Amino acid sequence: MPDRIFLKHPSRDETIAVATGFSWAACLLGFVWALMKRMWLLAALLLVADLLIGFIGLAGESADIASLVLSILFAAFCGMNGNRWHRQALERQGYVPV
């Protein structure tokens, strides 16, 4: 079971649990995951990165392999950083660790 960090908003009676470690949802869903977490700018950046990696694959057969490798690496990068990005977004909204 992953560890969780609990964040509470000082003016609202709301506590949110954010997992730590690898985020499979961020890894597999990418920008859709960011949209579900209401991180609009991050979602746009992830979409642009996904599209750029996809366009690399259009350049030819060897570029197609490079695009696949970059896609896998980018998904792993999103998975490793997803929970941290979510926690930071909540902290910018005023949530504090409990």
PDB file of N, CA and C in Angstrom:
ATOM      1  N   MET A   1       0.846  -1.175   0.000  1.00  0.00           N
ATOM      2  CA  MET A   1       0.000   0.000   0.000  1.00  0.00           C
ATOM      3  C   MET A   1       0.893   1.241   0.000  1.00  0.00           C
ATOM      4  N   PRO A   2       0.649   2.155  -0.912  1.00  0.00           N
ATOM      5  CA  PRO A   2       1.509   3.341  -0.980  1.00  0.00           C
ATOM      6  C   PRO A   2       1.287   4.269   0.210  1.00  0.00           C
ATOM      7  N   ASP A   3       2.341   4.968   0.563  1.00  0.00           N
ATOM      8  CA  ASP A   3       2.226   5.974   1.619  1.00  0.00           C
ATOM      9  C   ASP A   3       1.440   7.160   1.083  1.00  0.00           C
ATOM     10  N   ARG A   4       0.822   7.863   1.975  1.00  0.00           N
ATOM     11  CA  ARG A   4       0.025   9.027   1.579  1.00  0.00           C
ATOM     12  C   ARG A   4       0.414  10.227   2.425  1.00  0.00           C
ATOM     13  N   ILE A   5       0.278  11.390   1.812  1.00  0.00           N
ATOM     14  CA  ILE A   5       0.447  12.658   2.507  1.00  0.00           C
ATOM     15  C   ILE A   5      -0.935  13.305   2.554  1.00  0.00           C
ATOM     16  N   PHE A   6      -1.341  13.742   3.724  1.00  0.00           N
ATOM     17  CA  PHE A   6      -2.644  14.370   3.872  1.00  0.00           C
ATOM     18  C   PHE A   6      -2.470  15.883   3.880  1.00  0.00           C
ATOM     19  N   LEU A   7      -3.258  16.531   3.042  1.00  0.00           N
ATOM     20  CA  LEU A   7      -3.218  17.991   2.934  1.00  0.00           C
ATOM     21  C   LEU A   7      -4.579  18.546   3.329  1.00  0.00           C
ATOM     22  N   LYS A   8      -4.573  19.609   4.129  1.00  0.00           N
ATOM     23  CA  LYS A   8      -5.817  20.222   4.592  1.00  0.00           C
ATOM     24  C   LYS A   8      -5.830  21.685   4.193  1.00  0.00           C
ATOM     25  N   HIS A   9      -6.989  22.127   3.749  1.00  0.00           N
ATOM     26  CA  HIS A   9      -7.154  23.546   3.416  1.00  0.00           C
ATOM     27  C   HIS A   9      -7.547  24.283   4.685  1.00  0.00           C
ATOM     28  N   PRO A  10      -6.845  25.375   5.018  1.00  0.00           N
ATOM     29  CA  PRO A  10      -7.104  26.060   6.292  1.00  0.00           C
ATOM     30  C   PRO A  10      -8.497  26.680   6.413  1.00  0.00           C
ATOM     31  N   SER A  11      -9.069  27.186   5.339  1.00  0.00           N
ATOM     32  CA  SER A  11     -10.359  27.858   5.464  1.00  0.00           C
ATOM     33  C   SER A  11     -11.544  26.932   5.196  1.00  0.00           C
ATOM     34  N   ARG A  12     -11.326  25.841   4.495  1.00  0.00           N
ATOM     35  CA  ARG A  12     -12.399  24.872   4.250  1.00  0.00           C
ATOM     36  C   ARG A  12     -12.127  23.638   5.095  1.00  0.00           C
ATOM     37  N   ASP A  13     -13.153  22.939   5.429  1.00  0.00           N
ATOM     38  CA  ASP A  13     -12.984  21.695   6.182  1.00  0.00           C
ATOM     39  C   ASP A  13     -12.814  20.548   5.181  1.00  0.00           C
ATOM     40  N   GLU A  14     -11.685  20.546   4.511  1.00  0.00           N
ATOM     41  CA  GLU A  14     -11.445  19.564   3.456  1.00  0.00           C
ATOM     42  C   GLU A  14     -10.020  19.035   3.581  1.00  0.00           C
ATOM     43  N   THR A  15      -9.899  17.713   3.587  1.00  0.00           N
ATOM     44  CA  THR A  15      -8.595  17.063   3.633  1.00  0.00           C
ATOM     45  C   THR A  15      -8.483  16.141   2.434  1.00  0.00           C
ATOM     46  N   ILE A  16      -7.342  16.219   1.755  1.00  0.00           N
ATOM     47  CA  ILE A  16      -7.100  15.396   0.574  1.00  0.00           C
ATOM     48  C   ILE A  16      -5.866  14.544   0.821  1.00  0.00           C
ATOM     49  N   ALA A  17      -5.983  13.262   0.486  1.00  0.00           N
ATOM     50  CA  ALA A  17      -4.844  12.354   0.592  1.00  0.00           C
ATOM     51  C   ALA A  17      -4.162  12.267  -0.768  1.00  0.00           C
ATOM     52  N   VAL A  18      -2.857  12.478  -0.790  1.00  0.00           N
ATOM     53  CA  VAL A  18      -2.066  12.379  -2.022  1.00  0.00           C
ATOM     54  C   VAL A  18      -1.042  11.277  -1.819  1.00  0.00           C
ATOM     55  N   ALA A  19      -1.055  10.320  -2.726  1.00  0.00           N
ATOM     56  CA  ALA A  19      -0.116   9.203  -2.632  1.00  0.00           C
ATOM     57  C   ALA A  19       1.305   9.691  -2.895  1.00  0.00           C
ATOM     58  N   THR A  20       2.269   8.936  -2.417  1.00  0.00           N
ATOM     59  CA  THR A  20       3.669   9.221  -2.709  1.00  0.00           C
ATOM     60  C   THR A  20       4.196   8.098  -3.584  1.00  0.00           C
ATOM     61  N   GLY A  21       5.290   8.356  -4.241  1.00  0.00           N
ATOM     62  CA  GLY A  21       5.890   7.333  -5.089  1.00  0.00           C
ATOM     63  C   GLY A  21       5.358   7.381  -6.512  1.00  0.00           C
ATOM     64  N   PHE A  22       5.419   6.246  -7.180  1.00  0.00           N
ATOM     65  CA  PHE A  22       5.077   6.150  -8.593  1.00  0.00           C
ATOM     66  C   PHE A  22       3.565   6.233  -8.790  1.00  0.00           C
ATOM     67  N   SER A  23       3.131   6.999  -9.792  1.00  0.00           N
ATOM     68  CA  SER A  23       1.713   7.134 -10.119  1.00  0.00           C
ATOM     69  C   SER A  23       1.427   6.408 -11.426  1.00  0.00           C
ATOM     70  N   TRP A  24       0.773   5.258 -11.307  1.00  0.00           N
ATOM     71  CA  TRP A  24       0.434   4.505 -12.520  1.00  0.00           C
ATOM     72  C   TRP A  24      -0.565   5.268 -13.383  1.00  0.00           C
ATOM     73  N   ALA A  25      -1.456   6.005 -12.753  1.00  0.00           N
ATOM     74  CA  ALA A  25      -2.443   6.770 -13.520  1.00  0.00           C
ATOM     75  C   ALA A  25      -1.754   7.835 -14.372  1.00  0.00           C
ATOM     76  N   ALA A  26      -0.792   8.546 -13.794  1.00  0.00           N
ATOM     77  CA  ALA A  26      -0.065   9.565 -14.556  1.00  0.00           C
ATOM     78  C   ALA A  26       0.765   8.916 -15.655  1.00  0.00           C
ATOM     79  N   CYS A  27       1.316   7.749 -15.382  1.00  0.00           N
ATOM     80  CA  CYS A  27       2.127   7.037 -16.366  1.00  0.00           C
ATOM     81  C   CYS A  27       1.275   6.605 -17.556  1.00  0.00           C
ATOM     82  N   LEU A  28       0.126   6.016 -17.286  1.00  0.00           N
ATOM     83  CA  LEU A  28      -0.685   5.430 -18.352  1.00  0.00           C
ATOM     84  C   LEU A  28      -1.601   6.441 -19.044  1.00  0.00           C
ATOM     85  N   LEU A  29      -2.046   7.465 -18.324  1.00  0.00           N
ATOM     86  CA  LEU A  29      -3.019   8.397 -18.891  1.00  0.00           C
ATOM     87  C   LEU A  29      -2.436   9.748 -19.298  1.00  0.00           C
ATOM     88  N   GLY A  30      -1.290  10.121 -18.752  1.00  0.00           N
ATOM     89  CA  GLY A  30      -0.619  11.356 -19.146  1.00  0.00           C
ATOM     90  C   GLY A  30      -1.473  12.595 -18.957  1.00  0.00           C
ATOM     91  N   PHE A  31      -1.719  13.298 -20.068  1.00  0.00           N
ATOM     92  CA  PHE A  31      -2.430  14.575 -19.961  1.00  0.00           C
ATOM     93  C   PHE A  31      -3.872  14.401 -19.495  1.00  0.00           C
ATOM     94  N   VAL A  32      -4.484  13.241 -19.754  1.00  0.00           N
ATOM     95  CA  VAL A  32      -5.853  12.994 -19.283  1.00  0.00           C
ATOM     96  C   VAL A  32      -5.870  12.944 -17.751  1.00  0.00           C
ATOM     97  N   TRP A  33      -4.844  12.337 -17.163  1.00  0.00           N
ATOM     98  CA  TRP A  33      -4.713  12.305 -15.702  1.00  0.00           C
ATOM     99  C   TRP A  33      -4.637  13.731 -15.153  1.00  0.00           C
ATOM    100  N   ALA A  34      -3.834  14.581 -15.806  1.00  0.00           N
ATOM    101  CA  ALA A  34      -3.694  15.970 -15.354  1.00  0.00           C
ATOM    102  C   ALA A  34      -5.030  16.712 -15.465  1.00  0.00           C
ATOM    103  N   LEU A  35      -5.798  16.439 -16.497  1.00  0.00           N
ATOM    104  CA  LEU A  35      -7.122  17.056 -16.622  1.00  0.00           C
ATOM    105  C   LEU A  35      -8.040  16.607 -15.490  1.00  0.00           C
ATOM    106  N   MET A  36      -7.976  15.318 -15.138  1.00  0.00           N
ATOM    107  CA  MET A  36      -8.818  14.800 -14.055  1.00  0.00           C
ATOM    108  C   MET A  36      -8.449  15.432 -12.718  1.00  0.00           C
ATOM    109  N   LYS A  37      -7.190  15.800 -12.540  1.00  0.00           N
ATOM    110  CA  LYS A  37      -6.732  16.436 -11.304  1.00  0.00           C
ATOM    111  C   LYS A  37      -6.865  17.955 -11.364  1.00  0.00           C
ATOM    112  N   ARG A  38      -7.419  18.476 -12.462  1.00  0.00           N
ATOM    113  CA  ARG A  38      -7.658  19.908 -12.658  1.00  0.00           C
ATOM    114  C   ARG A  38      -6.373  20.730 -12.691  1.00  0.00           C
ATOM    115  N   MET A  39      -5.334  20.155 -13.287  1.00  0.00           N
ATOM    116  CA  MET A  39      -4.065  20.854 -13.467  1.00  0.00           C
ATOM    117  C   MET A  39      -3.974  21.216 -14.949  1.00  0.00           C
ATOM    118  N   TRP A  40      -4.591  22.332 -15.317  1.00  0.00           N
ATOM    119  CA  TRP A  40      -4.810  22.692 -16.708  1.00  0.00           C
ATOM    120  C   TRP A  40      -3.506  22.975 -17.457  1.00  0.00           C
ATOM    121  N   LEU A  41      -2.627  23.752 -16.879  1.00  0.00           N
ATOM    122  CA  LEU A  41      -1.378  24.083 -17.565  1.00  0.00           C
ATOM    123  C   LEU A  41      -0.520  22.843 -17.761  1.00  0.00           C
ATOM    124  N   LEU A  42      -0.418  22.020 -16.752  1.00  0.00           N
ATOM    125  CA  LEU A  42       0.346  20.783 -16.874  1.00  0.00           C
ATOM    126  C   LEU A  42      -0.262  19.882 -17.936  1.00  0.00           C
ATOM    127  N   ALA A  43      -1.585  19.804 -17.991  1.00  0.00           N
ATOM    128  CA  ALA A  43      -2.254  18.984 -19.010  1.00  0.00           C
ATOM    129  C   ALA A  43      -1.899  19.479 -20.410  1.00  0.00           C
ATOM    130  N   ALA A  44      -1.898  20.781 -20.595  1.00  0.00           N
ATOM    131  CA  ALA A  44      -1.549  21.341 -21.903  1.00  0.00           C
ATOM    132  C   ALA A  44      -0.095  21.030 -22.263  1.00  0.00           C
ATOM    133  N   LEU A  45       0.804  21.163 -21.290  1.00  0.00           N
ATOM    134  CA  LEU A  45       2.216  20.865 -21.547  1.00  0.00           C
ATOM    135  C   LEU A  45       2.431  19.387 -21.870  1.00  0.00           C
ATOM    136  N   LEU A  46       1.748  18.515 -21.144  1.00  0.00           N
ATOM    137  CA  LEU A  46       1.875  17.081 -21.416  1.00  0.00           C
ATOM    138  C   LEU A  46       1.305  16.727 -22.790  1.00  0.00           C
ATOM    139  N   LEU A  47       0.214  17.365 -23.171  1.00  0.00           N
ATOM    140  CA  LEU A  47      -0.365  17.121 -24.494  1.00  0.00           C
ATOM    141  C   LEU A  47       0.582  17.568 -25.598  1.00  0.00           C
ATOM    142  N   VAL A  48       1.174  18.738 -25.447  1.00  0.00           N
ATOM    143  CA  VAL A  48       2.132  19.234 -26.443  1.00  0.00           C
ATOM    144  C   VAL A  48       3.328  18.290 -26.548  1.00  0.00           C
ATOM    145  N   ALA A  49       3.838  17.830 -25.412  1.00  0.00           N
ATOM    146  CA  ALA A  49       4.967  16.896 -25.425  1.00  0.00           C
ATOM    147  C   ALA A  49       4.582  15.590 -26.110  1.00  0.00           C
ATOM    148  N   ASP A  50       3.378  15.079 -25.820  1.00  0.00           N
ATOM    149  CA  ASP A  50       2.908  13.853 -26.473  1.00  0.00           C
ATOM    150  C   ASP A  50       2.800  14.033 -27.981  1.00  0.00           C
ATOM    151  N   LEU A  51       2.276  15.182 -28.403  1.00  0.00           N
ATOM    152  CA  LEU A  51       2.141  15.436 -29.841  1.00  0.00           C
ATOM    153  C   LEU A  51       3.500  15.561 -30.518  1.00  0.00           C
ATOM    154  N   LEU A  52       4.437  16.233 -29.881  1.00  0.00           N
ATOM    155  CA  LEU A  52       5.778  16.359 -30.457  1.00  0.00           C
ATOM    156  C   LEU A  52       6.458  14.998 -30.592  1.00  0.00           C
ATOM    157  N   ILE A  53       6.315  14.162 -29.573  1.00  0.00           N
ATOM    158  CA  ILE A  53       6.891  12.822 -29.648  1.00  0.00           C
ATOM    159  C   ILE A  53       6.208  12.024 -30.756  1.00  0.00           C
ATOM    160  N   GLY A  54       4.917  12.182 -30.907  1.00  0.00           N
ATOM    161  CA  GLY A  54       4.188  11.501 -31.981  1.00  0.00           C
ATOM    162  C   GLY A  54       4.623  11.955 -33.360  1.00  0.00           C
ATOM    163  N   PHE A  55       4.885  13.241 -33.521  1.00  0.00           N
ATOM    164  CA  PHE A  55       5.326  13.755 -34.824  1.00  0.00           C
ATOM    165  C   PHE A  55       6.711  13.247 -35.198  1.00  0.00           C
ATOM    166  N   ILE A  56       7.529  12.938 -34.216  1.00  0.00           N
ATOM    167  CA  ILE A  56       8.844  12.357 -34.511  1.00  0.00           C
ATOM    168  C   ILE A  56       8.670  11.038 -35.243  1.00  0.00           C
ATOM    169  N   GLY A  57       7.665  10.272 -34.856  1.00  0.00           N
ATOM    170  CA  GLY A  57       7.409   8.975 -35.477  1.00  0.00           C
ATOM    171  C   GLY A  57       6.988   9.058 -36.925  1.00  0.00           C
ATOM    172  N   LEU A  58       6.572  10.219 -37.382  1.00  0.00           N
ATOM    173  CA  LEU A  58       6.148  10.376 -38.772  1.00  0.00           C
ATOM    174  C   LEU A  58       7.313  10.548 -39.733  1.00  0.00           C
ATOM    175  N   ALA A  59       8.515  10.714 -39.212  1.00  0.00           N
ATOM    176  CA  ALA A  59       9.673  11.009 -40.053  1.00  0.00           C
ATOM    177  C   ALA A  59      10.234   9.789 -40.768  1.00  0.00           C
ATOM    178  N   GLY A  60       9.896   8.593 -40.352  1.00  0.00           N
ATOM    179  CA  GLY A  60      10.412   7.408 -41.021  1.00  0.00           C
ATOM    180  C   GLY A  60      10.462   6.221 -40.086  1.00  0.00           C
ATOM    181  N   GLU A  61      10.989   5.113 -40.614  1.00  0.00           N
ATOM    182  CA  GLU A  61      10.979   3.868 -39.854  1.00  0.00           C
ATOM    183  C   GLU A  61      11.885   3.924 -38.619  1.00  0.00           C
ATOM    184  N   SER A  62      13.086   4.433 -38.745  1.00  0.00           N
ATOM    185  CA  SER A  62      13.972   4.515 -37.579  1.00  0.00           C
ATOM    186  C   SER A  62      13.470   5.573 -36.594  1.00  0.00           C
ATOM    187  N   ALA A  63      12.841   6.613 -37.106  1.00  0.00           N
ATOM    188  CA  ALA A  63      12.272   7.636 -36.228  1.00  0.00           C
ATOM    189  C   ALA A  63      11.070   7.078 -35.475  1.00  0.00           C
ATOM    190  N   ASP A  64      10.395   6.096 -36.067  1.00  0.00           N
ATOM    191  CA  ASP A  64       9.261   5.463 -35.412  1.00  0.00           C
ATOM    192  C   ASP A  64       9.716   4.733 -34.142  1.00  0.00           C
ATOM    193  N   ILE A  65      10.855   4.068 -34.228  1.00  0.00           N
ATOM    194  CA  ILE A  65      11.406   3.378 -33.064  1.00  0.00           C
ATOM    195  C   ILE A  65      11.839   4.398 -32.008  1.00  0.00           C
ATOM    196  N   ALA A  66      12.456   5.477 -32.450  1.00  0.00           N
ATOM    197  CA  ALA A  66      12.867   6.533 -31.522  1.00  0.00           C
ATOM    198  C   ALA A  66      11.648   7.132 -30.828  1.00  0.00           C
ATOM    199  N   SER A  67      10.567   7.319 -31.573  1.00  0.00           N
ATOM    200  CA  SER A  67       9.340   7.864 -31.003  1.00  0.00           C
ATOM    201  C   SER A  67       8.765   6.919 -29.955  1.00  0.00           C
ATOM    202  N   LEU A  68       8.814   5.619 -30.215  1.00  0.00           N
ATOM    203  CA  LEU A  68       8.322   4.641 -29.250  1.00  0.00           C
ATOM    204  C   LEU A  68       9.142   4.685 -27.962  1.00  0.00           C
ATOM    205  N   VAL A  69      10.459   4.722 -28.104  1.00  0.00           N
ATOM    206  CA  VAL A  69      11.335   4.778 -26.926  1.00  0.00           C
ATOM    207  C   VAL A  69      11.092   6.062 -26.134  1.00  0.00           C
ATOM    208  N   LEU A  70      10.988   7.191 -26.847  1.00  0.00           N
ATOM    209  CA  LEU A  70      10.723   8.465 -26.165  1.00  0.00           C
ATOM    210  C   LEU A  70       9.368   8.451 -25.470  1.00  0.00           C
ATOM    211  N   SER A  71       8.372   7.826 -26.077  1.00  0.00           N
ATOM    212  CA  SER A  71       7.045   7.732 -25.463  1.00  0.00           C
ATOM    213  C   SER A  71       7.104   6.956 -24.155  1.00  0.00           C
ATOM    214  N   ILE A  72       7.819   5.844 -24.176  1.00  0.00           N
ATOM    215  CA  ILE A  72       7.939   5.029 -22.968  1.00  0.00           C
ATOM    216  C   ILE A  72       8.683   5.798 -21.877  1.00  0.00           C
ATOM    217  N   LEU A  73       9.768   6.466 -22.252  1.00  0.00           N
ATOM    218  CA  LEU A  73      10.529   7.249 -21.276  1.00  0.00           C
ATOM    219  C   LEU A  73       9.702   8.402 -20.715  1.00  0.00           C
ATOM    220  N   PHE A  74       8.931   9.058 -21.574  1.00  0.00           N
ATOM    221  CA  PHE A  74       8.100  10.171 -21.131  1.00  0.00           C
ATOM    222  C   PHE A  74       7.001   9.683 -20.191  1.00  0.00           C
ATOM    223  N   ALA A  75       6.401   8.535 -20.486  1.00  0.00           N
ATOM    224  CA  ALA A  75       5.374   7.970 -19.607  1.00  0.00           C
ATOM    225  C   ALA A  75       5.972   7.630 -18.244  1.00  0.00           C
ATOM    226  N   ALA A  76       7.182   7.056 -18.240  1.00  0.00           N
ATOM    227  CA  ALA A  76       7.842   6.736 -16.973  1.00  0.00           C
ATOM    228  C   ALA A  76       8.154   8.014 -16.197  1.00  0.00           C
ATOM    229  N   PHE A  77       8.577   9.066 -16.896  1.00  0.00           N
ATOM    230  CA  PHE A  77       8.856  10.359 -16.260  1.00  0.00           C
ATOM    231  C   PHE A  77       7.590  10.918 -15.607  1.00  0.00           C
ATOM    232  N   CYS A  78       6.470  10.843 -16.323  1.00  0.00           N
ATOM    233  CA  CYS A  78       5.201  11.327 -15.765  1.00  0.00           C
ATOM    234  C   CYS A  78       4.793  10.506 -14.545  1.00  0.00           C
ATOM    235  N   GLY A  79       4.991   9.201 -14.606  1.00  0.00           N
ATOM    236  CA  GLY A  79       4.649   8.347 -13.482  1.00  0.00           C
ATOM    237  C   GLY A  79       5.487   8.638 -12.253  1.00  0.00           C
ATOM    238  N   MET A  80       6.781   8.902 -12.463  1.00  0.00           N
ATOM    239  CA  MET A  80       7.667   9.177 -11.329  1.00  0.00           C
ATOM    240  C   MET A  80       7.382  10.525 -10.682  1.00  0.00           C
ATOM    241  N   ASN A  81       6.866  11.479 -11.448  1.00  0.00           N
ATOM    242  CA  ASN A  81       6.655  12.833 -10.928  1.00  0.00           C
ATOM    243  C   ASN A  81       5.189  13.195 -10.693  1.00  0.00           C
ATOM    244  N   GLY A  82       4.261  12.373 -11.111  1.00  0.00           N
ATOM    245  CA  GLY A  82       2.838  12.709 -11.058  1.00  0.00           C
ATOM    246  C   GLY A  82       2.322  13.076  -9.685  1.00  0.00           C
ATOM    247  N   ASN A  83       2.601  12.261  -8.691  1.00  0.00           N
ATOM    248  CA  ASN A  83       2.102  12.558  -7.337  1.00  0.00           C
ATOM    249  C   ASN A  83       2.734  13.816  -6.765  1.00  0.00           C
ATOM    250  N   ARG A  84       3.991  14.053  -7.084  1.00  0.00           N
ATOM    251  CA  ARG A  84       4.659  15.275  -6.614  1.00  0.00           C
ATOM    252  C   ARG A  84       4.018  16.498  -7.264  1.00  0.00           C
ATOM    253  N   TRP A  85       3.732  16.412  -8.569  1.00  0.00           N
ATOM    254  CA  TRP A  85       3.070  17.522  -9.267  1.00  0.00           C
ATOM    255  C   TRP A  85       1.706  17.800  -8.655  1.00  0.00           C
ATOM    256  N   HIS A  86       0.961  16.747  -8.323  1.00  0.00           N
ATOM    257  CA  HIS A  86      -0.368  16.920  -7.740  1.00  0.00           C
ATOM    258  C   HIS A  86      -0.267  17.591  -6.371  1.00  0.00           C
ATOM    259  N   ARG A  87       0.669  17.129  -5.541  1.00  0.00           N
ATOM    260  CA  ARG A  87       0.856  17.727  -4.209  1.00  0.00           C
ATOM    261  C   ARG A  87       1.233  19.202  -4.325  1.00  0.00           C
ATOM    262  N   GLN A  88       2.149  19.542  -5.242  1.00  0.00           N
ATOM    263  CA  GLN A  88       2.565  20.928  -5.408  1.00  0.00           C
ATOM    264  C   GLN A  88       1.416  21.802  -5.886  1.00  0.00           C
ATOM    265  N   ALA A  89       0.574  21.271  -6.767  1.00  0.00           N
ATOM    266  CA  ALA A  89      -0.585  22.033  -7.247  1.00  0.00           C
ATOM    267  C   ALA A  89      -1.542  22.321  -6.094  1.00  0.00           C
ATOM    268  N   LEU A  90      -1.757  21.348  -5.223  1.00  0.00           N
ATOM    269  CA  LEU A  90      -2.635  21.569  -4.075  1.00  0.00           C
ATOM    270  C   LEU A  90      -2.027  22.565  -3.102  1.00  0.00           C
ATOM    271  N   GLU A  91      -0.729  22.494  -2.897  1.00  0.00           N
ATOM    272  CA  GLU A  91      -0.074  23.450  -1.994  1.00  0.00           C
ATOM    273  C   GLU A  91      -0.157  24.872  -2.541  1.00  0.00           C
ATOM    274  N   ARG A  92      -0.102  25.040  -3.855  1.00  0.00           N
ATOM    275  CA  ARG A  92      -0.262  26.381  -4.437  1.00  0.00           C
ATOM    276  C   ARG A  92      -1.687  26.901  -4.236  1.00  0.00           C
ATOM    277  N   GLN A  93      -2.645  25.993  -4.064  1.00  0.00           N
ATOM    278  CA  GLN A  93      -4.030  26.392  -3.826  1.00  0.00           C
ATOM    279  C   GLN A  93      -4.301  26.682  -2.345  1.00  0.00           C
ATOM    280  N   GLY A  94      -3.281  26.513  -1.505  1.00  0.00           N
ATOM    281  CA  GLY A  94      -3.430  26.859  -0.098  1.00  0.00           C
ATOM    282  C   GLY A  94      -3.477  25.672   0.843  1.00  0.00           C
ATOM    283  N   TYR A  95      -3.431  24.461   0.339  1.00  0.00           N
ATOM    284  CA  TYR A  95      -3.444  23.280   1.201  1.00  0.00           C
ATOM    285  C   TYR A  95      -2.105  23.164   1.935  1.00  0.00           C
ATOM    286  N   VAL A  96      -2.180  22.691   3.173  1.00  0.00           N
ATOM    287  CA  VAL A  96      -0.959  22.511   3.975  1.00  0.00           C
ATOM    288  C   VAL A  96      -0.936  21.073   4.484  1.00  0.00           C
ATOM    289  N   PRO A  97       0.275  20.508   4.636  1.00  0.00           N
ATOM    290  CA  PRO A  97       0.355  19.136   5.162  1.00  0.00           C
ATOM    291  C   PRO A  97      -0.153  19.060   6.594  1.00  0.00           C
ATOM    292  N   VAL A  98      -0.828  17.969   6.892  1.00  0.00           N
ATOM    293  CA  VAL A  98      -1.381  17.756   8.234  1.00  0.00           C
ATOM    294  C   VAL A  98      -0.394  16.949   9.040  1.00  0.00           C
TER     295      VAL A  98
END
